Amino acid sequence: QGLRRFIETNRSRLGEAQAFVRNWFEDRGVHVANSNAGNFVWVNLGGALGFDDAVTEKRVFQKLLDGGVYIAPGTAYHNSKAGWYRITFSVARENLEVGLGKIESLLDLKVANGH
């Protein structure tokens, strides 16, 4: 009974965190790849920021890292198209919000009109 409750609670919290992150990025015009499970989502910052090359992808990664945010670039996972990043959402909400705020500030992401 306890294990079942733990799994259900964990699944619910992960689903809520995924929806929160998905909405956060989509509100800022960033495409989020569809996924049905896991602890992370793929976001296309390159599409939102207007690049698809590995050099810029690494530059954006380093800018975020220097600003205190680690999100893995897709090419590190053998993604054939540069500009995608892996966002882990299975962290404390406060930490997630701090990280997203830094991403927003460092990359000058704005909430799109109509959201």
PDB file of N, CA and C in Angstrom:
ATOM      1  N   GLN A   1       0.827  -1.196   0.000  1.00  0.00           N
ATOM      2  CA  GLN A   1       0.000   0.000   0.000  1.00  0.00           C
ATOM      3  C   GLN A   1       0.869   1.258   0.000  1.00  0.00           C
ATOM      4  N   GLY A   2       1.892   1.295   0.859  1.00  0.00           N
ATOM      5  CA  GLY A   2       2.761   2.462   0.940  1.00  0.00           C
ATOM      6  C   GLY A   2       3.532   2.696  -0.341  1.00  0.00           C
ATOM      7  N   LEU A   3       4.037   1.629  -0.936  1.00  0.00           N
ATOM      8  CA  LEU A   3       4.792   1.760  -2.174  1.00  0.00           C
ATOM      9  C   LEU A   3       3.888   2.239  -3.306  1.00  0.00           C
ATOM     10  N   ARG A   4       2.695   1.693  -3.383  1.00  0.00           N
ATOM     11  CA  ARG A   4       1.755   2.109  -4.430  1.00  0.00           C
ATOM     12  C   ARG A   4       1.434   3.605  -4.288  1.00  0.00           C
ATOM     13  N   ARG A   5       1.209   4.044  -3.062  1.00  0.00           N
ATOM     14  CA  ARG A   5       0.901   5.456  -2.821  1.00  0.00           C
ATOM     15  C   ARG A   5       2.097   6.328  -3.219  1.00  0.00           C
ATOM     16  N   PHE A   6       3.310   5.875  -2.863  1.00  0.00           N
ATOM     17  CA  PHE A   6       4.513   6.618  -3.228  1.00  0.00           C
ATOM     18  C   PHE A   6       4.628   6.756  -4.750  1.00  0.00           C
ATOM     19  N   ILE A   7       4.427   5.658  -5.467  1.00  0.00           N
ATOM     20  CA  ILE A   7       4.539   5.685  -6.928  1.00  0.00           C
ATOM     21  C   ILE A   7       3.485   6.605  -7.532  1.00  0.00           C
ATOM     22  N   GLU A   8       2.266   6.520  -7.033  1.00  0.00           N
ATOM     23  CA  GLU A   8       1.198   7.390  -7.547  1.00  0.00           C
ATOM     24  C   GLU A   8       1.503   8.861  -7.270  1.00  0.00           C
ATOM     25  N   THR A   9       1.975   9.161  -6.071  1.00  0.00           N
ATOM     26  CA  THR A   9       2.316  10.541  -5.716  1.00  0.00           C
ATOM     27  C   THR A   9       3.470  11.043  -6.570  1.00  0.00           C
ATOM     28  N   ASN A  10       4.486  10.202  -6.739  1.00  0.00           N
ATOM     29  CA  ASN A  10       5.638  10.572  -7.557  1.00  0.00           C
ATOM     30  C   ASN A  10       5.209  10.844  -8.996  1.00  0.00           C
ATOM     31  N   ARG A  11       4.401   9.978  -9.555  1.00  0.00           N
ATOM     32  CA  ARG A  11       3.932  10.145 -10.930  1.00  0.00           C
ATOM     33  C   ARG A  11       3.133  11.441 -11.070  1.00  0.00           C
ATOM     34  N   SER A  12       2.279  11.712 -10.098  1.00  0.00           N
ATOM     35  CA  SER A  12       1.472  12.924 -10.126  1.00  0.00           C
ATOM     36  C   SER A  12       2.342  14.177 -10.055  1.00  0.00           C
ATOM     37  N   ARG A  13       3.313  14.152  -9.158  1.00  0.00           N
ATOM     38  CA  ARG A  13       4.194  15.324  -9.017  1.00  0.00           C
ATOM     39  C   ARG A  13       5.055  15.533 -10.250  1.00  0.00           C
ATOM     40  N   LEU A  14       5.562  14.451 -10.837  1.00  0.00           N
ATOM     41  CA  LEU A  14       6.350  14.578 -12.065  1.00  0.00           C
ATOM     42  C   LEU A  14       5.493  15.125 -13.204  1.00  0.00           C
ATOM     43  N   GLY A  15       4.267  14.639 -13.308  1.00  0.00           N
ATOM     44  CA  GLY A  15       3.361  15.127 -14.354  1.00  0.00           C
ATOM     45  C   GLY A  15       3.064  16.606 -14.191  1.00  0.00           C
ATOM     46  N   GLU A  16       2.864  17.032 -12.959  1.00  0.00           N
ATOM     47  CA  GLU A  16       2.582  18.442 -12.693  1.00  0.00           C
ATOM     48  C   GLU A  16       3.809  19.291 -13.006  1.00  0.00           C
ATOM     49  N   ALA A  17       4.987  18.818 -12.625  1.00  0.00           N
ATOM     50  CA  ALA A  17       6.218  19.567 -12.887  1.00  0.00           C
ATOM     51  C   ALA A  17       6.486  19.652 -14.387  1.00  0.00           C
ATOM     52  N   GLN A  18       6.229  18.547 -15.100  1.00  0.00           N
ATOM     53  CA  GLN A  18       6.425  18.573 -16.552  1.00  0.00           C
ATOM     54  C   GLN A  18       5.491  19.595 -17.197  1.00  0.00           C
ATOM     55  N   ALA A  19       4.224  19.609 -16.785  1.00  0.00           N
ATOM     56  CA  ALA A  19       3.261  20.561 -17.343  1.00  0.00           C
ATOM     57  C   ALA A  19       3.686  21.996 -17.036  1.00  0.00           C
ATOM     58  N   PHE A  20       4.168  22.227 -15.823  1.00  0.00           N
ATOM     59  CA  PHE A  20       4.627  23.560 -15.425  1.00  0.00           C
ATOM     60  C   PHE A  20       5.753  24.028 -16.348  1.00  0.00           C
ATOM     61  N   VAL A  21       6.763  23.170 -16.563  1.00  0.00           N
ATOM     62  CA  VAL A  21       7.909  23.526 -17.405  1.00  0.00           C
ATOM     63  C   VAL A  21       7.479  23.695 -18.859  1.00  0.00           C
ATOM     64  N   ARG A  22       6.654  22.774 -19.349  1.00  0.00           N
ATOM     65  CA  ARG A  22       6.163  22.867 -20.730  1.00  0.00           C
ATOM     66  C   ARG A  22       5.454  24.208 -20.943  1.00  0.00           C
ATOM     67  N   ASN A  23       4.534  24.537 -20.050  1.00  0.00           N
ATOM     68  CA  ASN A  23       3.794  25.796 -20.190  1.00  0.00           C
ATOM     69  C   ASN A  23       4.724  26.998 -20.099  1.00  0.00           C
ATOM     70  N   TRP A  24       5.693  26.933 -19.188  1.00  0.00           N
ATOM     71  CA  TRP A  24       6.625  28.048 -19.012  1.00  0.00           C
ATOM     72  C   TRP A  24       7.363  28.335 -20.314  1.00  0.00           C
ATOM     73  N   PHE A  25       7.908  27.291 -20.943  1.00  0.00           N
ATOM     74  CA  PHE A  25       8.648  27.497 -22.190  1.00  0.00           C
ATOM     75  C   PHE A  25       7.716  27.878 -23.334  1.00  0.00           C
ATOM     76  N   GLU A  26       6.581  27.216 -23.452  1.00  0.00           N
ATOM     77  CA  GLU A  26       5.666  27.534 -24.555  1.00  0.00           C
ATOM     78  C   GLU A  26       5.140  28.961 -24.446  1.00  0.00           C
ATOM     79  N   ASP A  27       4.927  29.456 -23.227  1.00  0.00           N
ATOM     80  CA  ASP A  27       4.499  30.843 -23.033  1.00  0.00           C
ATOM     81  C   ASP A  27       5.532  31.829 -23.561  1.00  0.00           C
ATOM     82  N   ARG A  28       6.781  31.386 -23.668  1.00  0.00           N
ATOM     83  CA  ARG A  28       7.867  32.234 -24.151  1.00  0.00           C
ATOM     84  C   ARG A  28       8.249  31.892 -25.592  1.00  0.00           C
ATOM     85  N   GLY A  29       7.388  31.155 -26.276  1.00  0.00           N
ATOM     86  CA  GLY A  29       7.603  30.855 -27.684  1.00  0.00           C
ATOM     87  C   GLY A  29       8.639  29.790 -27.964  1.00  0.00           C
ATOM     88  N   VAL A  30       8.947  28.953 -26.959  1.00  0.00           N
ATOM     89  CA  VAL A  30       9.942  27.899 -27.130  1.00  0.00           C
ATOM     90  C   VAL A  30       9.217  26.570 -27.311  1.00  0.00           C
ATOM     91  N   HIS A  31       9.519  25.884 -28.422  1.00  0.00           N
ATOM     92  CA  HIS A  31       8.897  24.585 -28.696  1.00  0.00           C
ATOM     93  C   HIS A  31       9.438  23.532 -27.732  1.00  0.00           C
ATOM     94  N   VAL A  32       8.529  22.725 -27.185  1.00  0.00           N
ATOM     95  CA  VAL A  32       8.884  21.629 -26.283  1.00  0.00           C
ATOM     96  C   VAL A  32       8.485  20.328 -26.962  1.00  0.00           C
ATOM     97  N   ALA A  33       9.433  19.395 -27.073  1.00  0.00           N
ATOM     98  CA  ALA A  33       9.147  18.109 -27.715  1.00  0.00           C
ATOM     99  C   ALA A  33       8.152  17.320 -26.873  1.00  0.00           C
ATOM    100  N   ASN A  34       7.304  16.560 -27.526  1.00  0.00           N
ATOM    101  CA  ASN A  34       6.358  15.705 -26.813  1.00  0.00           C
ATOM    102  C   ASN A  34       7.100  14.587 -26.101  1.00  0.00           C
ATOM    103  N   SER A  35       6.670  14.289 -24.904  1.00  0.00           N
ATOM    104  CA  SER A  35       7.219  13.158 -24.157  1.00  0.00           C
ATOM    105  C   SER A  35       6.129  12.650 -23.230  1.00  0.00           C
ATOM    106  N   ASN A  36       6.241  11.383 -22.845  1.00  0.00           N
ATOM    107  CA  ASN A  36       5.180  10.811 -22.019  1.00  0.00           C
ATOM    108  C   ASN A  36       5.678  10.314 -20.669  1.00  0.00           C
ATOM    109  N   ALA A  37       6.982  10.395 -20.426  1.00  0.00           N
ATOM    110  CA  ALA A  37       7.504   9.921 -19.150  1.00  0.00           C
ATOM    111  C   ALA A  37       8.904  10.468 -18.962  1.00  0.00           C
ATOM    112  N   GLY A  38       9.405  10.359 -17.758  1.00  0.00           N
ATOM    113  CA  GLY A  38      10.783  10.762 -17.495  1.00  0.00           C
ATOM    114  C   GLY A  38      10.884  11.922 -16.545  1.00  0.00           C
ATOM    115  N   ASN A  39      12.107  12.423 -16.433  1.00  0.00           N
ATOM    116  CA  ASN A  39      12.414  13.512 -15.516  1.00  0.00           C
ATOM    117  C   ASN A  39      12.856  14.773 -16.245  1.00  0.00           C
ATOM    118  N   PHE A  40      12.760  14.771 -17.553  1.00  0.00           N
ATOM    119  CA  PHE A  40      13.222  15.919 -18.323  1.00  0.00           C
ATOM    120  C   PHE A  40      12.393  16.061 -19.592  1.00  0.00           C
ATOM    121  N   VAL A  41      12.512  17.256 -20.206  1.00  0.00           N
ATOM    122  CA  VAL A  41      11.919  17.526 -21.512  1.00  0.00           C
ATOM    123  C   VAL A  41      13.000  18.146 -22.395  1.00  0.00           C
ATOM    124  N   TRP A  42      12.799  18.038 -23.701  1.00  0.00           N
ATOM    125  CA  TRP A  42      13.682  18.679 -24.675  1.00  0.00           C
ATOM    126  C   TRP A  42      13.013  19.968 -25.134  1.00  0.00           C
ATOM    127  N   VAL A  43      13.764  21.072 -25.102  1.00  0.00           N
ATOM    128  CA  VAL A  43      13.237  22.363 -25.561  1.00  0.00           C
ATOM    129  C   VAL A  43      14.121  22.881 -26.688  1.00  0.00           C
ATOM    130  N   ASN A  44      13.496  23.520 -27.661  1.00  0.00           N
ATOM    131  CA  ASN A  44      14.222  24.027 -28.822  1.00  0.00           C
ATOM    132  C   ASN A  44      14.518  25.515 -28.641  1.00  0.00           C
ATOM    133  N   LEU A  45      15.537  25.807 -27.841  1.00  0.00           N
ATOM    134  CA  LEU A  45      15.934  27.205 -27.657  1.00  0.00           C
ATOM    135  C   LEU A  45      16.491  27.779 -28.951  1.00  0.00           C
ATOM    136  N   GLY A  46      17.126  26.943 -29.757  1.00  0.00           N
ATOM    137  CA  GLY A  46      17.652  27.411 -31.034  1.00  0.00           C
ATOM    138  C   GLY A  46      16.557  27.979 -31.917  1.00  0.00           C
ATOM    139  N   GLY A  47      15.427  27.296 -31.955  1.00  0.00           N
ATOM    140  CA  GLY A  47      14.304  27.783 -32.753  1.00  0.00           C
ATOM    141  C   GLY A  47      13.793  29.121 -32.250  1.00  0.00           C
ATOM    142  N   ALA A  48      13.730  29.273 -30.944  1.00  0.00           N
ATOM    143  CA  ALA A  48      13.229  30.515 -30.357  1.00  0.00           C
ATOM    144  C   ALA A  48      14.235  31.654 -30.498  1.00  0.00           C
ATOM    145  N   LEU A  49      15.522  31.310 -30.451  1.00  0.00           N
ATOM    146  CA  LEU A  49      16.561  32.341 -30.491  1.00  0.00           C
ATOM    147  C   LEU A  49      17.163  32.524 -31.888  1.00  0.00           C
ATOM    148  N   GLY A  50      16.737  31.687 -32.840  1.00  0.00           N
ATOM    149  CA  GLY A  50      17.154  31.859 -34.226  1.00  0.00           C
ATOM    150  C   GLY A  50      18.508  31.282 -34.578  1.00  0.00           C
ATOM    151  N   PHE A  51      18.842  30.102 -34.056  1.00  0.00           N
ATOM    152  CA  PHE A  51      20.081  29.440 -34.455  1.00  0.00           C
ATOM    153  C   PHE A  51      19.870  27.941 -34.543  1.00  0.00           C
ATOM    154  N   ASP A  52      20.711  27.280 -35.337  1.00  0.00           N
ATOM    155  CA  ASP A  52      20.668  25.823 -35.430  1.00  0.00           C
ATOM    156  C   ASP A  52      22.063  25.252 -35.670  1.00  0.00           C
ATOM    157  N   ASP A  53      23.074  25.970 -35.181  1.00  0.00           N
ATOM    158  CA  ASP A  53      24.445  25.510 -35.359  1.00  0.00           C
ATOM    159  C   ASP A  53      25.066  25.166 -34.013  1.00  0.00           C
ATOM    160  N   ALA A  54      26.009  24.224 -34.045  1.00  0.00           N
ATOM    161  CA  ALA A  54      26.624  23.710 -32.817  1.00  0.00           C
ATOM    162  C   ALA A  54      27.474  24.754 -32.102  1.00  0.00           C
ATOM    163  N   VAL A  55      28.079  25.665 -32.843  1.00  0.00           N
ATOM    164  CA  VAL A  55      28.914  26.691 -32.217  1.00  0.00           C
ATOM    165  C   VAL A  55      28.054  27.596 -31.330  1.00  0.00           C
ATOM    166  N   THR A  56      26.927  28.042 -31.855  1.00  0.00           N
ATOM    167  CA  THR A  56      26.034  28.895 -31.064  1.00  0.00           C
ATOM    168  C   THR A  56      25.419  28.099 -29.921  1.00  0.00           C
ATOM    169  N   GLU A  57      25.084  26.846 -30.180  1.00  0.00           N
ATOM    170  CA  GLU A  57      24.534  26.002 -29.122  1.00  0.00           C
ATOM    171  C   GLU A  57      25.501  25.947 -27.935  1.00  0.00           C
ATOM    172  N   LYS A  58      26.778  25.748 -28.211  1.00  0.00           N
ATOM    173  CA  LYS A  58      27.782  25.706 -27.142  1.00  0.00           C
ATOM    174  C   LYS A  58      27.928  27.058 -26.467  1.00  0.00           C
ATOM    175  N   ARG A  59      27.839  28.133 -27.233  1.00  0.00           N
ATOM    176  CA  ARG A  59      27.944  29.481 -26.669  1.00  0.00           C
ATOM    177  C   ARG A  59      26.785  29.748 -25.705  1.00  0.00           C
ATOM    178  N   VAL A  60      25.573  29.355 -26.092  1.00  0.00           N
ATOM    179  CA  VAL A  60      24.397  29.523 -25.223  1.00  0.00           C
ATOM    180  C   VAL A  60      24.547  28.650 -23.978  1.00  0.00           C
ATOM    181  N   PHE A  61      24.998  27.417 -24.159  1.00  0.00           N
ATOM    182  CA  PHE A  61      25.240  26.528 -23.023  1.00  0.00           C
ATOM    183  C   PHE A  61      26.213  27.172 -22.037  1.00  0.00           C
ATOM    184  N   GLN A  62      27.314  27.737 -22.546  1.00  0.00           N
ATOM    185  CA  GLN A  62      28.324  28.346 -21.680  1.00  0.00           C
ATOM    186  C   GLN A  62      27.794  29.600 -20.995  1.00  0.00           C
ATOM    187  N   LYS A  63      27.006  30.384 -21.713  1.00  0.00           N
ATOM    188  CA  LYS A  63      26.402  31.592 -21.119  1.00  0.00           C
ATOM    189  C   LYS A  63      25.514  31.211 -19.942  1.00  0.00           C
ATOM    190  N   LEU A  64      24.706  30.172 -20.124  1.00  0.00           N
ATOM    191  CA  LEU A  64      23.837  29.699 -19.046  1.00  0.00           C
ATOM    192  C   LEU A  64      24.663  29.140 -17.893  1.00  0.00           C
ATOM    193  N   LEU A  65      25.678  28.355 -18.222  1.00  0.00           N
ATOM    194  CA  LEU A  65      26.535  27.769 -17.196  1.00  0.00           C
ATOM    195  C   LEU A  65      27.218  28.868 -16.376  1.00  0.00           C
ATOM    196  N   ASP A  66      27.744  29.879 -17.048  1.00  0.00           N
ATOM    197  CA  ASP A  66      28.380  31.003 -16.360  1.00  0.00           C
ATOM    198  C   ASP A  66      27.383  31.740 -15.466  1.00  0.00           C
ATOM    199  N   GLY A  67      26.098  31.693 -15.856  1.00  0.00           N
ATOM    200  CA  GLY A  67      25.041  32.339 -15.071  1.00  0.00           C
ATOM    201  C   GLY A  67      24.452  31.449 -13.990  1.00  0.00           C
ATOM    202  N   GLY A  68      25.005  30.245 -13.844  1.00  0.00           N
ATOM    203  CA  GLY A  68      24.569  29.363 -12.763  1.00  0.00           C
ATOM    204  C   GLY A  68      23.511  28.343 -13.132  1.00  0.00           C
ATOM    205  N   VAL A  69      23.302  28.124 -14.431  1.00  0.00           N
ATOM    206  CA  VAL A  69      22.290  27.167 -14.877  1.00  0.00           C
ATOM    207  C   VAL A  69      22.948  26.118 -15.765  1.00  0.00           C
ATOM    208  N   TYR A  70      22.730  24.841 -15.431  1.00  0.00           N
ATOM    209  CA  TYR A  70      23.227  23.766 -16.281  1.00  0.00           C
ATOM    210  C   TYR A  70      22.042  23.097 -16.966  1.00  0.00           C
ATOM    211  N   ILE A  71      21.965  23.280 -18.268  1.00  0.00           N
ATOM    212  CA  ILE A  71      21.034  22.497 -19.087  1.00  0.00           C
ATOM    213  C   ILE A  71      21.865  21.917 -20.220  1.00  0.00           C
ATOM    214  N   ALA A  72      21.725  20.640 -20.417  1.00  0.00           N
ATOM    215  CA  ALA A  72      22.582  19.932 -21.366  1.00  0.00           C
ATOM    216  C   ALA A  72      22.171  20.221 -22.803  1.00  0.00           C
ATOM    217  N   PRO A  73      23.145  20.549 -23.660  1.00  0.00           N
ATOM    218  CA  PRO A  73      22.842  20.726 -25.076  1.00  0.00           C
ATOM    219  C   PRO A  73      22.584  19.386 -25.738  1.00  0.00           C
ATOM    220  N   GLY A  74      21.689  19.388 -26.700  1.00  0.00           N
ATOM    221  CA  GLY A  74      21.307  18.153 -27.371  1.00  0.00           C
ATOM    222  C   GLY A  74      22.436  17.439 -28.065  1.00  0.00           C
ATOM    223  N   THR A  75      23.397  18.182 -28.601  1.00  0.00           N
ATOM    224  CA  THR A  75      24.491  17.510 -29.298  1.00  0.00           C
ATOM    225  C   THR A  75      25.306  16.640 -28.345  1.00  0.00           C
ATOM    226  N   ALA A  76      25.280  16.944 -27.044  1.00  0.00           N
ATOM    227  CA  ALA A  76      25.956  16.088 -26.066  1.00  0.00           C
ATOM    228  C   ALA A  76      25.271  14.721 -25.973  1.00  0.00           C
ATOM    229  N   TYR A  77      24.035  14.648 -26.428  1.00  0.00           N
ATOM    230  CA  TYR A  77      23.269  13.392 -26.446  1.00  0.00           C
ATOM    231  C   TYR A  77      23.089  12.896 -27.874  1.00  0.00           C
ATOM    232  N   HIS A  78      23.953  13.345 -28.763  1.00  0.00           N
ATOM    233  CA  HIS A  78      23.961  12.918 -30.163  1.00  0.00           C
ATOM    234  C   HIS A  78      22.708  13.344 -30.921  1.00  0.00           C
ATOM    235  N   ASN A  79      22.098  14.435 -30.492  1.00  0.00           N
ATOM    236  CA  ASN A  79      20.989  15.004 -31.254  1.00  0.00           C
ATOM    237  C   ASN A  79      21.576  15.576 -32.542  1.00  0.00           C
ATOM    238  N   SER A  80      20.999  15.223 -33.658  1.00  0.00           N
ATOM    239  CA  SER A  80      21.580  15.616 -34.948  1.00  0.00           C
ATOM    240  C   SER A  80      21.348  17.091 -35.264  1.00  0.00           C
ATOM    241  N   LYS A  81      20.380  17.741 -34.616  1.00  0.00           N
ATOM    242  CA  LYS A  81      20.103  19.155 -34.889  1.00  0.00           C
ATOM    243  C   LYS A  81      20.450  19.983 -33.662  1.00  0.00           C
ATOM    244  N   ALA A  82      21.324  20.951 -33.844  1.00  0.00           N
ATOM    245  CA  ALA A  82      21.732  21.821 -32.740  1.00  0.00           C
ATOM    246  C   ALA A  82      20.582  22.750 -32.347  1.00  0.00           C
ATOM    247  N   GLY A  83      20.615  23.180 -31.093  1.00  0.00           N
ATOM    248  CA  GLY A  83      19.620  24.138 -30.608  1.00  0.00           C
ATOM    249  C   GLY A  83      18.664  23.564 -29.583  1.00  0.00           C
ATOM    250  N   TRP A  84      18.671  22.250 -29.431  1.00  0.00           N
ATOM    251  CA  TRP A  84      17.815  21.586 -28.443  1.00  0.00           C
ATOM    252  C   TRP A  84      18.588  21.414 -27.133  1.00  0.00           C
ATOM    253  N   TYR A  85      17.883  21.579 -26.023  1.00  0.00           N
ATOM    254  CA  TYR A  85      18.485  21.437 -24.699  1.00  0.00           C
ATOM    255  C   TYR A  85      17.594  20.571 -23.827  1.00  0.00           C
ATOM    256  N   ARG A  86      18.233  19.855 -22.919  1.00  0.00           N
ATOM    257  CA  ARG A  86      17.518  18.957 -22.012  1.00  0.00           C
ATOM    258  C   ARG A  86      17.292  19.668 -20.674  1.00  0.00           C
ATOM    259  N   ILE A  87      16.024  19.840 -20.326  1.00  0.00           N
ATOM    260  CA  ILE A  87      15.636  20.520 -19.091  1.00  0.00           C
ATOM    261  C   ILE A  87      15.135  19.475 -18.094  1.00  0.00           C
ATOM    262  N   THR A  88      15.838  19.341 -16.988  1.00  0.00           N
ATOM    263  CA  THR A  88      15.412  18.431 -15.930  1.00  0.00           C
ATOM    264  C   THR A  88      14.437  19.175 -15.025  1.00  0.00           C
ATOM    265  N   PHE A  89      13.246  18.613 -14.857  1.00  0.00           N
ATOM    266  CA  PHE A  89      12.228  19.278 -14.036  1.00  0.00           C
ATOM    267  C   PHE A  89      11.980  18.562 -12.715  1.00  0.00           C
ATOM    268  N   SER A  90      12.660  17.461 -12.476  1.00  0.00           N
ATOM    269  CA  SER A  90      12.427  16.679 -11.256  1.00  0.00           C
ATOM    270  C   SER A  90      13.316  17.187 -10.116  1.00  0.00           C
ATOM    271  N   VAL A  91      13.161  18.472  -9.836  1.00  0.00           N
ATOM    272  CA  VAL A  91      13.880  19.126  -8.742  1.00  0.00           C
ATOM    273  C   VAL A  91      12.850  19.896  -7.908  1.00  0.00           C
ATOM    274  N   ALA A  92      13.264  20.379  -6.756  1.00  0.00           N
ATOM    275  CA  ALA A  92      12.363  21.165  -5.916  1.00  0.00           C
ATOM    276  C   ALA A  92      11.832  22.357  -6.716  1.00  0.00           C
ATOM    277  N   ARG A  93      10.547  22.655  -6.565  1.00  0.00           N
ATOM    278  CA  ARG A  93       9.916  23.726  -7.345  1.00  0.00           C
ATOM    279  C   ARG A  93      10.658  25.052  -7.181  1.00  0.00           C
ATOM    280  N   GLU A  94      11.098  25.349  -5.972  1.00  0.00           N
ATOM    281  CA  GLU A  94      11.822  26.605  -5.747  1.00  0.00           C
ATOM    282  C   GLU A  94      13.084  26.663  -6.602  1.00  0.00           C
ATOM    283  N   ASN A  95      13.830  25.570  -6.654  1.00  0.00           N
ATOM    284  CA  ASN A  95      15.046  25.519  -7.481  1.00  0.00           C
ATOM    285  C   ASN A  95      14.704  25.626  -8.960  1.00  0.00           C
ATOM    286  N   LEU A  96      13.623  24.972  -9.360  1.00  0.00           N
ATOM    287  CA  LEU A  96      13.181  25.019 -10.749  1.00  0.00           C
ATOM    288  C   LEU A  96      12.841  26.455 -11.137  1.00  0.00           C
ATOM    289  N   GLU A  97      12.100  27.141 -10.288  1.00  0.00           N
ATOM    290  CA  GLU A  97      11.705  28.522 -10.583  1.00  0.00           C
ATOM    291  C   GLU A  97      12.912  29.449 -10.642  1.00  0.00           C
ATOM    292  N   VAL A  98      13.886  29.238  -9.761  1.00  0.00           N
ATOM    293  CA  VAL A  98      15.108  30.048  -9.793  1.00  0.00           C
ATOM    294  C   VAL A  98      15.841  29.808 -11.116  1.00  0.00           C
ATOM    295  N   GLY A  99      15.994  28.551 -11.498  1.00  0.00           N
ATOM    296  CA  GLY A  99      16.679  28.222 -12.746  1.00  0.00           C
ATOM    297  C   GLY A  99      15.974  28.791 -13.962  1.00  0.00           C
ATOM    298  N   LEU A 100      14.660  28.661 -14.005  1.00  0.00           N
ATOM    299  CA  LEU A 100      13.897  29.198 -15.132  1.00  0.00           C
ATOM    300  C   LEU A 100      14.018  30.720 -15.184  1.00  0.00           C
ATOM    301  N   GLY A 101      14.002  31.356 -14.025  1.00  0.00           N
ATOM    302  CA  GLY A 101      14.171  32.810 -13.978  1.00  0.00           C
ATOM    303  C   GLY A 101      15.517  33.235 -14.531  1.00  0.00           C
ATOM    304  N   LYS A 102      16.558  32.465 -14.212  1.00  0.00           N
ATOM    305  CA  LYS A 102      17.896  32.766 -14.746  1.00  0.00           C
ATOM    306  C   LYS A 102      17.933  32.563 -16.252  1.00  0.00           C
ATOM    307  N   ILE A 103      17.311  31.488 -16.737  1.00  0.00           N
ATOM    308  CA  ILE A 103      17.250  31.242 -18.178  1.00  0.00           C
ATOM    309  C   ILE A 103      16.553  32.416 -18.867  1.00  0.00           C
ATOM    310  N   GLU A 104      15.430  32.828 -18.298  1.00  0.00           N
ATOM    311  CA  GLU A 104      14.652  33.936 -18.866  1.00  0.00           C
ATOM    312  C   GLU A 104      15.506  35.202 -18.954  1.00  0.00           C
ATOM    313  N   SER A 105      16.211  35.504 -17.888  1.00  0.00           N
ATOM    314  CA  SER A 105      17.026  36.710 -17.827  1.00  0.00           C
ATOM    315  C   SER A 105      18.248  36.621 -18.737  1.00  0.00           C
ATOM    316  N   LEU A 106      18.987  35.513 -18.641  1.00  0.00           N
ATOM    317  CA  LEU A 106      20.224  35.370 -19.420  1.00  0.00           C
ATOM    318  C   LEU A 106      19.974  35.342 -20.919  1.00  0.00           C
ATOM    319  N   LEU A 107      18.858  34.749 -21.343  1.00  0.00           N
ATOM    320  CA  LEU A 107      18.565  34.617 -22.767  1.00  0.00           C
ATOM    321  C   LEU A 107      17.548  35.652 -23.244  1.00  0.00           C
ATOM    322  N   ASP A 108      17.122  36.525 -22.341  1.00  0.00           N
ATOM    323  CA  ASP A 108      16.156  37.579 -22.661  1.00  0.00           C
ATOM    324  C   ASP A 108      14.876  37.004 -23.290  1.00  0.00           C
ATOM    325  N   LEU A 109      14.383  35.918 -22.685  1.00  0.00           N
ATOM    326  CA  LEU A 109      13.122  35.338 -23.160  1.00  0.00           C
ATOM    327  C   LEU A 109      11.967  36.163 -22.605  1.00  0.00           C
ATOM    328  N   LYS A 110      10.983  36.380 -23.436  1.00  0.00           N
ATOM    329  CA  LYS A 110       9.821  37.165 -23.041  1.00  0.00           C
ATOM    330  C   LYS A 110       8.562  36.336 -23.243  1.00  0.00           C
ATOM    331  N   VAL A 111       7.581  36.576 -22.377  1.00  0.00           N
ATOM    332  CA  VAL A 111       6.291  35.922 -22.549  1.00  0.00           C
ATOM    333  C   VAL A 111       5.687  36.443 -23.843  1.00  0.00           C
ATOM    334  N   ALA A 112       5.282  35.530 -24.706  1.00  0.00           N
ATOM    335  CA  ALA A 112       4.727  35.900 -26.003  1.00  0.00           C
ATOM    336  C   ALA A 112       3.383  36.578 -25.842  1.00  0.00           C
ATOM    337  N   ASN A 113       3.029  37.426 -26.788  1.00  0.00           N
ATOM    338  CA  ASN A 113       1.712  38.075 -26.769  1.00  0.00           C
ATOM    339  C   ASN A 113       0.634  37.016 -26.867  1.00  0.00           C
ATOM    340  N   GLY A 114      -0.427  37.254 -26.148  1.00  0.00           N
ATOM    341  CA  GLY A 114      -1.554  36.324 -26.192  1.00  0.00           C
ATOM    342  C   GLY A 114      -1.491  35.259 -25.136  1.00  0.00           C
ATOM    343  N   HIS A 115      -0.431  35.228 -24.318  1.00  0.00           N
ATOM    344  CA  HIS A 115      -0.306  34.236 -23.240  1.00  0.00           C
ATOM    345  C   HIS A 115      -0.421  34.904 -21.902  1.00  0.00           C
TER     346      HIS A 115
END
